[in-house]
Amino acid sequence: MNSTTFYNFSADNIKGQSIDMSTYKGKPVLVVNTASKCGLTPQFEGLENLYQSYKDQGLVILGFPCNQFGQQEPGNANETEEFCQINYGVSFPMFAKVEVNGESAHPIFKYLKSNLGSIFGSKIKWNFTKFLIDQNGKPVKRFAPITKPEKIASAIKKLL
């Protein structure tokens, strides 16, 4: 039996510091591949609203910028961070730019995709694909890019 959980991974935050995902043990986590120049970019507002609504109950949202879809995250880490804060007031943790598909996909996304495929298989089709992980580090639900953050609230509440 595979005993790997989300907590077995780490990733560099947007400042370049390595963060061990076990930091979030005991909390539900929503992992999102993001982009600043996408038609879905306004979802940052909904994600921040979710975070503000449920962070005191334990919810963590982790944003992973990705430039694999239409080159919609072209900036460097400082530009991405500034854009998210100025335009959407993002206060949830943001990470360094990653790839989510292919040989160079970040191990976190390889893990999430292998546990939660979609109707398209495991490949991520676009920015703002969302993965919900329970308090034990087990991926429990995958949401399509077009799923608005507010539609995820009921699934989050079940984990709180």
N, C-alpha and C. Protein backbone atom coordinates (compact mmCIF):
# COMPACT_ATOMS: atom_id res chain seq x y z
N MET A 1 0.84 -1.19 0.00
CA MET A 1 0.00 0.00 0.00
C MET A 1 0.88 1.25 0.00
N ASN A 2 0.52 2.21 -0.81
CA ASN A 2 1.29 3.44 -0.91
C ASN A 2 0.98 4.34 0.28
N SER A 3 2.00 4.68 1.04
CA SER A 3 1.79 5.50 2.23
C SER A 3 2.16 6.96 1.99
N THR A 4 2.41 7.32 0.73
CA THR A 4 2.75 8.70 0.42
C THR A 4 1.53 9.60 0.64
N THR A 5 1.77 10.72 1.28
CA THR A 5 0.73 11.74 1.43
C THR A 5 1.29 13.06 0.93
N PHE A 6 0.43 14.04 0.87
CA PHE A 6 0.83 15.39 0.48
C PHE A 6 1.98 15.89 1.35
N TYR A 7 2.02 15.42 2.59
CA TYR A 7 3.03 15.88 3.54
C TYR A 7 4.44 15.39 3.23
N ASN A 8 4.59 14.46 2.30
CA ASN A 8 5.90 13.95 1.93
C ASN A 8 6.64 14.90 0.98
N PHE A 9 5.98 15.97 0.55
CA PHE A 9 6.55 16.86 -0.46
C PHE A 9 6.97 18.21 0.11
N SER A 10 7.76 18.91 -0.68
CA SER A 10 8.12 20.28 -0.34
C SER A 10 8.14 21.08 -1.64
N ALA A 11 8.10 22.39 -1.51
CA ALA A 11 8.15 23.28 -2.68
C ALA A 11 8.74 24.61 -2.23
N ASP A 12 9.33 25.30 -3.17
CA ASP A 12 9.87 26.63 -2.87
C ASP A 12 8.75 27.65 -2.93
N ASN A 13 8.67 28.49 -1.89
CA ASN A 13 7.67 29.55 -1.92
C ASN A 13 8.12 30.64 -2.89
N ILE A 14 7.31 31.64 -3.04
CA ILE A 14 7.58 32.68 -4.04
C ILE A 14 8.85 33.48 -3.72
N LYS A 15 9.31 33.39 -2.48
CA LYS A 15 10.56 34.05 -2.07
C LYS A 15 11.76 33.12 -2.23
N GLY A 16 11.51 31.88 -2.68
CA GLY A 16 12.60 30.94 -2.90
C GLY A 16 12.97 30.08 -1.71
N GLN A 17 12.18 30.13 -0.65
CA GLN A 17 12.45 29.32 0.54
C GLN A 17 11.72 27.99 0.42
N SER A 18 12.39 26.91 0.76
CA SER A 18 11.77 25.59 0.70
C SER A 18 10.78 25.43 1.85
N ILE A 19 9.55 25.03 1.50
CA ILE A 19 8.50 24.84 2.49
C ILE A 19 8.10 23.36 2.47
N ASP A 20 8.16 22.73 3.62
CA ASP A 20 7.75 21.34 3.76
C ASP A 20 6.23 21.32 3.90
N MET A 21 5.56 20.54 3.09
CA MET A 21 4.10 20.51 3.13
C MET A 21 3.57 19.96 4.46
N SER A 22 4.42 19.29 5.23
CA SER A 22 3.99 18.82 6.55
C SER A 22 3.68 20.01 7.48
N THR A 23 4.12 21.20 7.08
CA THR A 23 3.78 22.43 7.80
C THR A 23 2.26 22.57 7.91
N TYR A 24 1.55 22.01 6.94
CA TYR A 24 0.09 22.17 6.88
C TYR A 24 -0.66 20.96 7.42
N LYS A 25 0.04 20.08 8.12
CA LYS A 25 -0.57 18.88 8.70
C LYS A 25 -1.75 19.26 9.59
N GLY A 26 -2.83 18.50 9.45
CA GLY A 26 -4.01 18.74 10.27
C GLY A 26 -4.95 19.80 9.72
N LYS A 27 -4.63 20.33 8.54
CA LYS A 27 -5.47 21.38 7.94
C LYS A 27 -5.89 20.96 6.54
N PRO A 28 -7.11 21.32 6.15
CA PRO A 28 -7.46 21.11 4.74
C PRO A 28 -6.68 22.10 3.88
N VAL A 29 -6.22 21.62 2.72
CA VAL A 29 -5.41 22.45 1.83
C VAL A 29 -6.03 22.44 0.44
N LEU A 30 -6.09 23.62 -0.18
CA LEU A 30 -6.53 23.74 -1.55
C LEU A 30 -5.32 24.18 -2.37
N VAL A 31 -4.87 23.31 -3.29
CA VAL A 31 -3.73 23.61 -4.15
C VAL A 31 -4.28 24.05 -5.51
N VAL A 32 -3.77 25.19 -6.01
CA VAL A 32 -4.27 25.75 -7.27
C VAL A 32 -3.09 26.15 -8.15
N ASN A 33 -3.15 25.75 -9.43
CA ASN A 33 -2.15 26.28 -10.38
C ASN A 33 -2.72 27.58 -10.93
N THR A 34 -1.98 28.66 -10.78
CA THR A 34 -2.50 30.00 -11.07
C THR A 34 -1.77 30.64 -12.26
N ALA A 35 -2.35 31.72 -12.74
CA ALA A 35 -1.73 32.53 -13.79
C ALA A 35 -2.27 33.95 -13.71
N SER A 36 -1.41 34.91 -13.94
CA SER A 36 -1.77 36.33 -13.80
C SER A 36 -2.42 36.93 -15.04
N LYS A 37 -2.25 36.30 -16.19
CA LYS A 37 -2.73 36.89 -17.44
C LYS A 37 -3.74 35.99 -18.14
N CYS A 38 -4.59 35.36 -17.36
CA CYS A 38 -5.55 34.37 -17.85
C CYS A 38 -6.97 34.92 -17.72
N GLY A 39 -7.87 34.44 -18.56
CA GLY A 39 -9.26 34.84 -18.43
C GLY A 39 -9.86 34.43 -17.09
N LEU A 40 -9.24 33.45 -16.44
CA LEU A 40 -9.72 32.98 -15.13
C LEU A 40 -9.02 33.67 -13.96
N THR A 41 -8.09 34.57 -14.26
CA THR A 41 -7.33 35.26 -13.21
C THR A 41 -8.21 35.91 -12.14
N PRO A 42 -9.40 36.44 -12.49
CA PRO A 42 -10.26 37.00 -11.43
C PRO A 42 -10.64 36.00 -10.33
N GLN A 43 -10.38 34.72 -10.57
CA GLN A 43 -10.62 33.74 -9.50
C GLN A 43 -9.74 34.00 -8.28
N PHE A 44 -8.65 34.75 -8.45
CA PHE A 44 -7.84 35.11 -7.28
C PHE A 44 -8.72 35.78 -6.22
N GLU A 45 -9.66 36.60 -6.65
CA GLU A 45 -10.55 37.28 -5.70
C GLU A 45 -11.37 36.26 -4.93
N GLY A 46 -11.95 35.29 -5.63
CA GLY A 46 -12.74 34.26 -4.97
C GLY A 46 -11.91 33.38 -4.06
N LEU A 47 -10.69 33.07 -4.49
CA LEU A 47 -9.80 32.26 -3.66
C LEU A 47 -9.44 33.02 -2.38
N GLU A 48 -9.15 34.30 -2.52
CA GLU A 48 -8.82 35.10 -1.33
C GLU A 48 -10.03 35.19 -0.40
N ASN A 49 -11.23 35.33 -0.96
CA ASN A 49 -12.45 35.35 -0.14
C ASN A 49 -12.62 34.03 0.62
N LEU A 50 -12.40 32.91 -0.07
CA LEU A 50 -12.46 31.60 0.60
C LEU A 50 -11.45 31.54 1.74
N TYR A 51 -10.24 31.97 1.44
CA TYR A 51 -9.18 31.94 2.45
C TYR A 51 -9.56 32.79 3.66
N GLN A 52 -10.03 33.98 3.42
CA GLN A 52 -10.42 34.85 4.54
C GLN A 52 -11.58 34.26 5.33
N SER A 53 -12.51 33.61 4.64
CA SER A 53 -13.68 33.02 5.31
C SER A 53 -13.33 31.83 6.19
N TYR A 54 -12.34 31.02 5.77
CA TYR A 54 -12.11 29.74 6.45
C TYR A 54 -10.71 29.55 7.03
N LYS A 55 -9.83 30.52 6.88
CA LYS A 55 -8.46 30.32 7.39
C LYS A 55 -8.43 30.17 8.90
N ASP A 56 -9.32 30.87 9.61
CA ASP A 56 -9.33 30.74 11.07
C ASP A 56 -9.83 29.37 11.52
N GLN A 57 -10.50 28.65 10.62
CA GLN A 57 -10.94 27.28 10.91
C GLN A 57 -9.93 26.25 10.41
N GLY A 58 -8.85 26.73 9.78
CA GLY A 58 -7.76 25.85 9.39
C GLY A 58 -7.46 25.77 7.91
N LEU A 59 -8.33 26.28 7.03
CA LEU A 59 -8.08 26.16 5.59
C LEU A 59 -6.79 26.87 5.18
N VAL A 60 -6.04 26.19 4.32
CA VAL A 60 -4.85 26.77 3.71
C VAL A 60 -5.05 26.69 2.19
N ILE A 61 -4.78 27.78 1.49
CA ILE A 61 -4.78 27.78 0.03
C ILE A 61 -3.34 28.02 -0.41
N LEU A 62 -2.88 27.21 -1.35
CA LEU A 62 -1.52 27.33 -1.85
C LEU A 62 -1.59 27.59 -3.35
N GLY A 63 -1.07 28.74 -3.77
CA GLY A 63 -1.06 29.10 -5.19
C GLY A 63 0.27 28.78 -5.83
N PHE A 64 0.22 28.07 -6.96
CA PHE A 64 1.42 27.70 -7.71
C PHE A 64 1.34 28.29 -9.10
N PRO A 65 2.00 29.44 -9.35
CA PRO A 65 2.00 30.02 -10.68
C PRO A 65 2.55 29.03 -11.71
N CYS A 66 1.95 29.06 -12.89
CA CYS A 66 2.35 28.14 -13.95
C CYS A 66 2.25 28.86 -15.29
N ASN A 67 3.26 28.70 -16.12
CA ASN A 67 3.31 29.38 -17.42
C ASN A 67 3.10 28.40 -18.58
N GLN A 68 2.57 27.22 -18.30
CA GLN A 68 2.44 26.18 -19.33
C GLN A 68 1.23 26.37 -20.25
N PHE A 69 0.29 27.22 -19.88
CA PHE A 69 -0.94 27.36 -20.65
C PHE A 69 -1.01 28.75 -21.26
N GLY A 70 -0.72 28.85 -22.54
CA GLY A 70 -0.80 30.13 -23.23
C GLY A 70 0.18 31.17 -22.74
N GLN A 71 1.25 30.74 -22.08
CA GLN A 71 2.27 31.68 -21.56
C GLN A 71 1.61 32.79 -20.74
N GLN A 72 0.67 32.40 -19.87
CA GLN A 72 -0.12 33.37 -19.14
C GLN A 72 0.45 33.72 -17.76
N GLU A 73 1.64 33.24 -17.47
CA GLU A 73 2.35 33.65 -16.25
C GLU A 73 3.79 33.94 -16.63
N PRO A 74 4.00 35.01 -17.43
CA PRO A 74 5.33 35.27 -17.97
C PRO A 74 6.29 35.94 -16.99
N GLY A 75 5.79 36.56 -15.96
CA GLY A 75 6.63 37.35 -15.07
C GLY A 75 7.51 36.53 -14.15
N ASN A 76 8.42 37.24 -13.49
CA ASN A 76 9.25 36.59 -12.48
C ASN A 76 8.49 36.57 -11.15
N ALA A 77 9.10 35.98 -10.14
CA ALA A 77 8.42 35.81 -8.84
C ALA A 77 7.97 37.14 -8.25
N ASN A 78 8.83 38.17 -8.32
CA ASN A 78 8.45 39.47 -7.75
C ASN A 78 7.26 40.07 -8.47
N GLU A 79 7.25 39.97 -9.81
CA GLU A 79 6.13 40.51 -10.60
C GLU A 79 4.84 39.77 -10.29
N THR A 80 4.93 38.45 -10.16
CA THR A 80 3.74 37.65 -9.85
C THR A 80 3.20 38.00 -8.48
N GLU A 81 4.08 38.05 -7.50
CA GLU A 81 3.66 38.35 -6.13
C GLU A 81 3.02 39.74 -6.06
N GLU A 82 3.67 40.71 -6.68
CA GLU A 82 3.15 42.08 -6.67
C GLU A 82 1.78 42.15 -7.35
N PHE A 83 1.64 41.51 -8.48
CA PHE A 83 0.37 41.50 -9.20
C PHE A 83 -0.75 40.93 -8.33
N CYS A 84 -0.49 39.80 -7.69
CA CYS A 84 -1.51 39.14 -6.87
C CYS A 84 -1.91 40.00 -5.68
N GLN A 85 -0.94 40.64 -5.05
CA GLN A 85 -1.24 41.46 -3.87
C GLN A 85 -1.94 42.75 -4.25
N ILE A 86 -1.45 43.44 -5.27
CA ILE A 86 -2.03 44.73 -5.65
C ILE A 86 -3.42 44.57 -6.24
N ASN A 87 -3.61 43.61 -7.13
CA ASN A 87 -4.87 43.48 -7.84
C ASN A 87 -5.93 42.68 -7.09
N TYR A 88 -5.50 41.72 -6.25
CA TYR A 88 -6.47 40.85 -5.61
C TYR A 88 -6.28 40.71 -4.10
N GLY A 89 -5.32 41.40 -3.54
CA GLY A 89 -5.10 41.34 -2.09
C GLY A 89 -4.75 39.96 -1.60
N VAL A 90 -4.11 39.16 -2.44
CA VAL A 90 -3.80 37.78 -2.08
C VAL A 90 -2.91 37.73 -0.84
N SER A 91 -3.39 37.02 0.17
CA SER A 91 -2.60 36.86 1.39
C SER A 91 -2.29 35.39 1.67
N PHE A 92 -2.88 34.48 0.89
CA PHE A 92 -2.53 33.06 1.07
C PHE A 92 -1.16 32.80 0.45
N PRO A 93 -0.50 31.72 0.89
CA PRO A 93 0.85 31.44 0.41
C PRO A 93 0.92 31.21 -1.10
N MET A 94 1.88 31.88 -1.72
CA MET A 94 2.16 31.69 -3.14
C MET A 94 3.54 31.05 -3.25
N PHE A 95 3.70 30.24 -4.28
CA PHE A 95 4.93 29.49 -4.47
C PHE A 95 5.64 29.89 -5.75
N ALA A 96 6.84 29.39 -5.91
CA ALA A 96 7.62 29.65 -7.12
C ALA A 96 6.90 29.02 -8.31
N LYS A 97 7.14 29.58 -9.47
CA LYS A 97 6.53 29.08 -10.71
C LYS A 97 6.91 27.61 -10.91
N VAL A 98 5.93 26.82 -11.30
CA VAL A 98 6.15 25.39 -11.52
C VAL A 98 5.54 24.97 -12.86
N GLU A 99 5.92 23.79 -13.29
CA GLU A 99 5.22 23.12 -14.39
C GLU A 99 4.30 22.09 -13.74
N VAL A 100 3.14 21.88 -14.34
CA VAL A 100 2.17 20.95 -13.77
C VAL A 100 1.97 19.71 -14.65
N ASN A 101 2.45 19.76 -15.88
CA ASN A 101 2.35 18.64 -16.81
C ASN A 101 3.73 18.32 -17.37
N GLY A 102 3.88 17.12 -17.90
CA GLY A 102 5.12 16.74 -18.58
C GLY A 102 6.19 16.22 -17.64
N GLU A 103 7.34 15.95 -18.23
CA GLU A 103 8.47 15.38 -17.49
C GLU A 103 8.94 16.29 -16.35
N SER A 104 8.84 17.61 -16.56
CA SER A 104 9.32 18.56 -15.55
C SER A 104 8.23 19.00 -14.57
N ALA A 105 7.11 18.32 -14.58
CA ALA A 105 6.03 18.68 -13.64
C ALA A 105 6.55 18.56 -12.21
N HIS A 106 6.12 19.49 -11.38
CA HIS A 106 6.52 19.46 -9.97
C HIS A 106 5.98 18.19 -9.33
N PRO A 107 6.76 17.56 -8.44
CA PRO A 107 6.31 16.31 -7.80
C PRO A 107 4.95 16.43 -7.10
N ILE A 108 4.64 17.59 -6.54
CA ILE A 108 3.32 17.75 -5.90
C ILE A 108 2.22 17.55 -6.93
N PHE A 109 2.39 18.11 -8.10
CA PHE A 109 1.34 17.98 -9.12
C PHE A 109 1.31 16.58 -9.73
N LYS A 110 2.46 15.94 -9.84
CA LYS A 110 2.47 14.54 -10.29
C LYS A 110 1.67 13.69 -9.31
N TYR A 111 1.90 13.92 -8.03
CA TYR A 111 1.20 13.18 -6.98
C TYR A 111 -0.31 13.45 -7.02
N LEU A 112 -0.68 14.73 -7.07
CA LEU A 112 -2.11 15.07 -7.06
C LEU A 112 -2.82 14.50 -8.29
N LYS A 113 -2.20 14.62 -9.45
CA LYS A 113 -2.82 14.11 -10.68
C LYS A 113 -2.95 12.59 -10.64
N SER A 114 -1.97 11.90 -10.06
CA SER A 114 -2.04 10.44 -10.01
C SER A 114 -3.14 9.98 -9.06
N ASN A 115 -3.48 10.80 -8.09
CA ASN A 115 -4.53 10.45 -7.13
C ASN A 115 -5.91 10.92 -7.55
N LEU A 116 -5.95 12.00 -8.31
CA LEU A 116 -7.24 12.57 -8.72
C LEU A 116 -7.19 12.90 -10.21
N GLY A 117 -7.51 11.93 -11.02
CA GLY A 117 -7.59 12.18 -12.45
C GLY A 117 -8.85 12.99 -12.73
N SER A 118 -9.13 13.22 -13.99
CA SER A 118 -10.35 13.93 -14.37
C SER A 118 -10.93 13.22 -15.58
N ILE A 119 -11.98 13.77 -16.13
CA ILE A 119 -12.56 13.16 -17.33
C ILE A 119 -11.57 13.20 -18.48
N PHE A 120 -10.55 14.02 -18.38
CA PHE A 120 -9.51 14.13 -19.41
C PHE A 120 -8.31 13.26 -19.08
N GLY A 121 -8.41 12.43 -18.06
CA GLY A 121 -7.25 11.69 -17.59
C GLY A 121 -6.59 12.51 -16.49
N SER A 122 -5.32 12.25 -16.25
CA SER A 122 -4.70 12.96 -15.14
C SER A 122 -4.13 14.32 -15.54
N LYS A 123 -3.95 14.55 -16.83
CA LYS A 123 -3.33 15.80 -17.29
C LYS A 123 -4.16 17.02 -16.88
N ILE A 124 -3.47 18.07 -16.47
CA ILE A 124 -4.14 19.33 -16.16
C ILE A 124 -4.33 20.06 -17.48
N LYS A 125 -5.56 20.51 -17.73
CA LYS A 125 -5.89 21.12 -19.01
C LYS A 125 -5.72 22.63 -19.05
N TRP A 126 -5.75 23.32 -17.89
CA TRP A 126 -5.65 24.77 -17.91
C TRP A 126 -5.33 25.31 -16.52
N ASN A 127 -5.10 26.62 -16.47
CA ASN A 127 -4.86 27.31 -15.20
C ASN A 127 -6.08 27.20 -14.29
N PHE A 128 -5.82 27.31 -13.00
CA PHE A 128 -6.84 27.32 -11.96
C PHE A 128 -7.55 25.98 -11.77
N THR A 129 -6.83 24.88 -12.07
CA THR A 129 -7.29 23.57 -11.63
C THR A 129 -7.03 23.53 -10.14
N LYS A 130 -7.99 23.00 -9.39
CA LYS A 130 -7.91 23.04 -7.93
C LYS A 130 -7.97 21.63 -7.36
N PHE A 131 -7.12 21.37 -6.37
CA PHE A 131 -7.07 20.08 -5.69
C PHE A 131 -7.30 20.30 -4.20
N LEU A 132 -8.29 19.62 -3.65
CA LEU A 132 -8.58 19.72 -2.22
C LEU A 132 -7.99 18.50 -1.50
N ILE A 133 -7.24 18.78 -0.45
CA ILE A 133 -6.55 17.76 0.33
C ILE A 133 -7.08 17.82 1.75
N ASP A 134 -7.38 16.65 2.32
CA ASP A 134 -7.94 16.65 3.67
C ASP A 134 -6.85 16.84 4.73
N GLN A 135 -7.27 16.85 5.99
CA GLN A 135 -6.36 17.11 7.11
C GLN A 135 -5.30 16.03 7.30
N ASN A 136 -5.49 14.88 6.64
CA ASN A 136 -4.53 13.79 6.75
C ASN A 136 -3.58 13.73 5.56
N GLY A 137 -3.65 14.75 4.69
CA GLY A 137 -2.76 14.79 3.54
C GLY A 137 -3.23 13.95 2.36
N LYS A 138 -4.50 13.54 2.39
CA LYS A 138 -5.06 12.72 1.30
C LYS A 138 -5.84 13.60 0.33
N PRO A 139 -5.49 13.57 -0.96
CA PRO A 139 -6.27 14.31 -1.95
C PRO A 139 -7.69 13.75 -2.03
N VAL A 140 -8.69 14.62 -1.93
CA VAL A 140 -10.07 14.14 -1.89
C VAL A 140 -10.93 14.61 -3.05
N LYS A 141 -10.61 15.74 -3.68
CA LYS A 141 -11.46 16.22 -4.76
C LYS A 141 -10.66 17.14 -5.68
N ARG A 142 -10.98 17.03 -6.96
CA ARG A 142 -10.36 17.87 -7.99
C ARG A 142 -11.47 18.72 -8.61
N PHE A 143 -11.16 19.99 -8.82
CA PHE A 143 -12.14 20.92 -9.39
C PHE A 143 -11.59 21.48 -10.70
N ALA A 144 -12.46 21.58 -11.69
CA ALA A 144 -12.08 22.09 -13.00
C ALA A 144 -11.69 23.56 -12.93
N PRO A 145 -10.89 24.03 -13.89
CA PRO A 145 -10.50 25.44 -13.92
C PRO A 145 -11.69 26.40 -13.88
N ILE A 146 -12.79 26.05 -14.53
CA ILE A 146 -13.93 26.96 -14.58
C ILE A 146 -14.78 26.94 -13.31
N THR A 147 -14.50 26.00 -12.40
CA THR A 147 -15.24 25.96 -11.13
C THR A 147 -14.85 27.16 -10.29
N LYS A 148 -15.82 28.01 -10.02
CA LYS A 148 -15.55 29.21 -9.24
C LYS A 148 -15.24 28.83 -7.79
N PRO A 149 -14.32 29.55 -7.16
CA PRO A 149 -13.94 29.22 -5.79
C PRO A 149 -15.13 29.13 -4.83
N GLU A 150 -16.13 30.00 -4.99
CA GLU A 150 -17.27 29.96 -4.07
C GLU A 150 -18.04 28.64 -4.17
N LYS A 151 -17.93 27.96 -5.29
CA LYS A 151 -18.61 26.66 -5.47
C LYS A 151 -17.88 25.54 -4.71
N ILE A 152 -16.69 25.81 -4.23
CA ILE A 152 -15.89 24.84 -3.52
C ILE A 152 -16.16 24.90 -2.01
N ALA A 153 -16.79 25.95 -1.57
CA ALA A 153 -17.00 26.18 -0.13
C ALA A 153 -17.66 25.00 0.56
N SER A 154 -18.65 24.38 -0.04
CA SER A 154 -19.35 23.28 0.63
C SER A 154 -18.40 22.09 0.85
N ALA A 155 -17.53 21.80 -0.12
CA ALA A 155 -16.57 20.71 0.05
C ALA A 155 -15.57 21.04 1.15
N ILE A 156 -15.18 22.30 1.23
CA ILE A 156 -14.24 22.73 2.28
C ILE A 156 -14.90 22.61 3.65
N LYS A 157 -16.14 23.06 3.77
CA LYS A 157 -16.84 23.02 5.05
C LYS A 157 -16.92 21.60 5.60
N LYS A 158 -17.07 20.61 4.71
CA LYS A 158 -17.14 19.22 5.15
C LYS A 158 -15.85 18.77 5.82
N LEU A 159 -14.74 19.41 5.47
CA LEU A 159 -13.45 19.04 6.04
C LEU A 159 -13.09 19.81 7.30
N LEU A 160 -13.81 20.88 7.57
CA LEU A 160 -13.46 21.73 8.72
C LEU A 160 -14.05 21.20 10.02
